[in-house]
Amino acid sequence: MQSPFDFVHLDPSCDPPEGYVAAFELLAAFWCELRAFRSACPQDAFLAGFTAHLETQLVADALVLAIQVELLSAH
């Protein structure tokens, strides 16, 4: 499954610091693991709701990280 947390490298001189790239990679890995876990137990209502909540939190965290990267690259 493709991760939604990839970013496009238009100008390598504007790439975020390595720590931010590592954070995006961590989010992408966690997203893939979470989706695989959700698919493995679709019949459990609690786990389905729990993983849906984690996915929402993960997307919100990725958005905050992306905004921070934008602020860093604007300076």
C-alpha atoms as a PDB file:
ATOM      1  CA  MET A   1       0.000   0.000   0.000  1.00  0.00           C
ATOM      2  CA  GLN A   2       1.303   3.443  -0.970  1.00  0.00           C
ATOM      3  CA  SER A   3       1.807   5.860   1.895  1.00  0.00           C
ATOM      4  CA  PRO A   4       0.104   9.262   1.650  1.00  0.00           C
ATOM      5  CA  PHE A   5       3.046  10.873   3.464  1.00  0.00           C
ATOM      6  CA  ASP A   6       5.480  11.229   0.588  1.00  0.00           C
ATOM      7  CA  PHE A   7       6.673  14.656  -0.478  1.00  0.00           C
ATOM      8  CA  VAL A   8       7.945  15.785  -3.853  1.00  0.00           C
ATOM      9  CA  HIS A   9      11.587  16.820  -4.316  1.00  0.00           C
ATOM     10  CA  LEU A  10      11.389  19.772  -6.672  1.00  0.00           C
ATOM     11  CA  ASP A  11      14.562  21.471  -5.511  1.00  0.00           C
ATOM     12  CA  PRO A  12      17.070  19.470  -3.432  1.00  0.00           C
ATOM     13  CA  SER A  13      18.393  22.681  -1.884  1.00  0.00           C
ATOM     14  CA  CYS A  14      14.958  23.174  -0.317  1.00  0.00           C
ATOM     15  CA  ASP A  15      14.700  19.688   1.165  1.00  0.00           C
ATOM     16  CA  PRO A  16      13.785  19.652   4.844  1.00  0.00           C
ATOM     17  CA  PRO A  17      16.429  18.779   7.451  1.00  0.00           C
ATOM     18  CA  GLU A  18      17.205  15.077   7.797  1.00  0.00           C
ATOM     19  CA  GLY A  19      15.242  14.799  11.035  1.00  0.00           C
ATOM     20  CA  TYR A  20      12.080  15.918   9.269  1.00  0.00           C
ATOM     21  CA  VAL A  21      12.646  13.496   6.419  1.00  0.00           C
ATOM     22  CA  ALA A  22      13.105  10.724   8.989  1.00  0.00           C
ATOM     23  CA  ALA A  23       9.877  11.794  10.702  1.00  0.00           C
ATOM     24  CA  PHE A  24       7.977  11.564   7.398  1.00  0.00           C
ATOM     25  CA  GLU A  25       9.476   8.122   6.794  1.00  0.00           C
ATOM     26  CA  LEU A  26       8.404   7.047  10.283  1.00  0.00           C
ATOM     27  CA  LEU A  27       4.863   8.290   9.643  1.00  0.00           C
ATOM     28  CA  ALA A  28       4.807   6.411   6.319  1.00  0.00           C
ATOM     29  CA  ALA A  29       6.000   3.176   7.933  1.00  0.00           C
ATOM     30  CA  PHE A  30       3.489   3.497  10.754  1.00  0.00           C
ATOM     31  CA  TRP A  31       0.705   4.209   8.251  1.00  0.00           C
ATOM     32  CA  CYS A  32       1.491   1.019   6.311  1.00  0.00           C
ATOM     33  CA  GLU A  33       1.672  -1.072   9.499  1.00  0.00           C
ATOM     34  CA  LEU A  34      -1.582   0.403  10.773  1.00  0.00           C
ATOM     35  CA  ARG A  35      -3.417  -0.273   7.503  1.00  0.00           C
ATOM     36  CA  ALA A  36      -2.111  -3.848   7.447  1.00  0.00           C
ATOM     37  CA  PHE A  37      -3.233  -4.367  11.041  1.00  0.00           C
ATOM     38  CA  ARG A  38      -6.671  -2.935  10.273  1.00  0.00           C
ATOM     39  CA  SER A  39      -7.045  -5.294   7.311  1.00  0.00           C
ATOM     40  CA  ALA A  40      -6.008  -8.283   9.433  1.00  0.00           C
ATOM     41  CA  CYS A  41      -8.926  -7.941  11.860  1.00  0.00           C
ATOM     42  CA  PRO A  42     -11.862  -6.267  10.077  1.00  0.00           C
ATOM     43  CA  GLN A  43     -14.514  -8.101  12.100  1.00  0.00           C
ATOM     44  CA  ASP A  44     -13.500  -6.618  15.467  1.00  0.00           C
ATOM     45  CA  ALA A  45     -15.489  -3.401  15.946  1.00  0.00           C
ATOM     46  CA  PHE A  46     -13.292  -2.097  18.757  1.00  0.00           C
ATOM     47  CA  LEU A  47     -10.049  -2.577  16.838  1.00  0.00           C
ATOM     48  CA  ALA A  48     -11.587  -1.083  13.694  1.00  0.00           C
ATOM     49  CA  GLY A  49     -12.595   2.034  15.616  1.00  0.00           C
ATOM     50  CA  PHE A  50      -9.273   2.176  17.424  1.00  0.00           C
ATOM     51  CA  THR A  51      -7.231   1.964  14.228  1.00  0.00           C
ATOM     52  CA  ALA A  52      -9.499   4.529  12.548  1.00  0.00           C
ATOM     53  CA  HIS A  53      -8.786   6.887  15.447  1.00  0.00           C
ATOM     54  CA  LEU A  54      -5.039   6.251  15.149  1.00  0.00           C
ATOM     55  CA  GLU A  55      -5.186   6.931  11.406  1.00  0.00           C
ATOM     56  CA  THR A  56      -6.920  10.253  12.061  1.00  0.00           C
ATOM     57  CA  GLN A  57      -4.282  11.203  14.612  1.00  0.00           C
ATOM     58  CA  LEU A  58      -1.515  10.174  12.216  1.00  0.00           C
ATOM     59  CA  VAL A  59      -2.915  12.360   9.436  1.00  0.00           C
ATOM     60  CA  ALA A  60      -3.204  15.314  11.831  1.00  0.00           C
ATOM     61  CA  ASP A  61       0.396  14.803  12.978  1.00  0.00           C
ATOM     62  CA  ALA A  62       1.587  14.621   9.369  1.00  0.00           C
ATOM     63  CA  LEU A  63      -0.233  17.867   8.608  1.00  0.00           C
ATOM     64  CA  VAL A  64       1.462  19.615  11.541  1.00  0.00           C
ATOM     65  CA  LEU A  65       4.833  18.272  10.401  1.00  0.00           C
ATOM     66  CA  ALA A  66       4.202  19.430   6.823  1.00  0.00           C
ATOM     67  CA  ILE A  67       3.288  22.913   8.047  1.00  0.00           C
ATOM     68  CA  GLN A  68       6.495  23.046  10.090  1.00  0.00           C
ATOM     69  CA  VAL A  69       8.523  22.012   7.028  1.00  0.00           C
ATOM     70  CA  GLU A  70       6.837  24.779   5.039  1.00  0.00           C
ATOM     71  CA  LEU A  71       7.694  27.313   7.730  1.00  0.00           C
ATOM     72  CA  LEU A  72      11.319  26.139   7.761  1.00  0.00           C
ATOM     73  CA  SER A  73      11.637  26.349   3.990  1.00  0.00           C
ATOM     74  CA  ALA A  74      10.096  29.838   3.920  1.00  0.00           C
ATOM     75  CA  HIS A  75      13.029  31.260   5.899  1.00  0.00           C
END
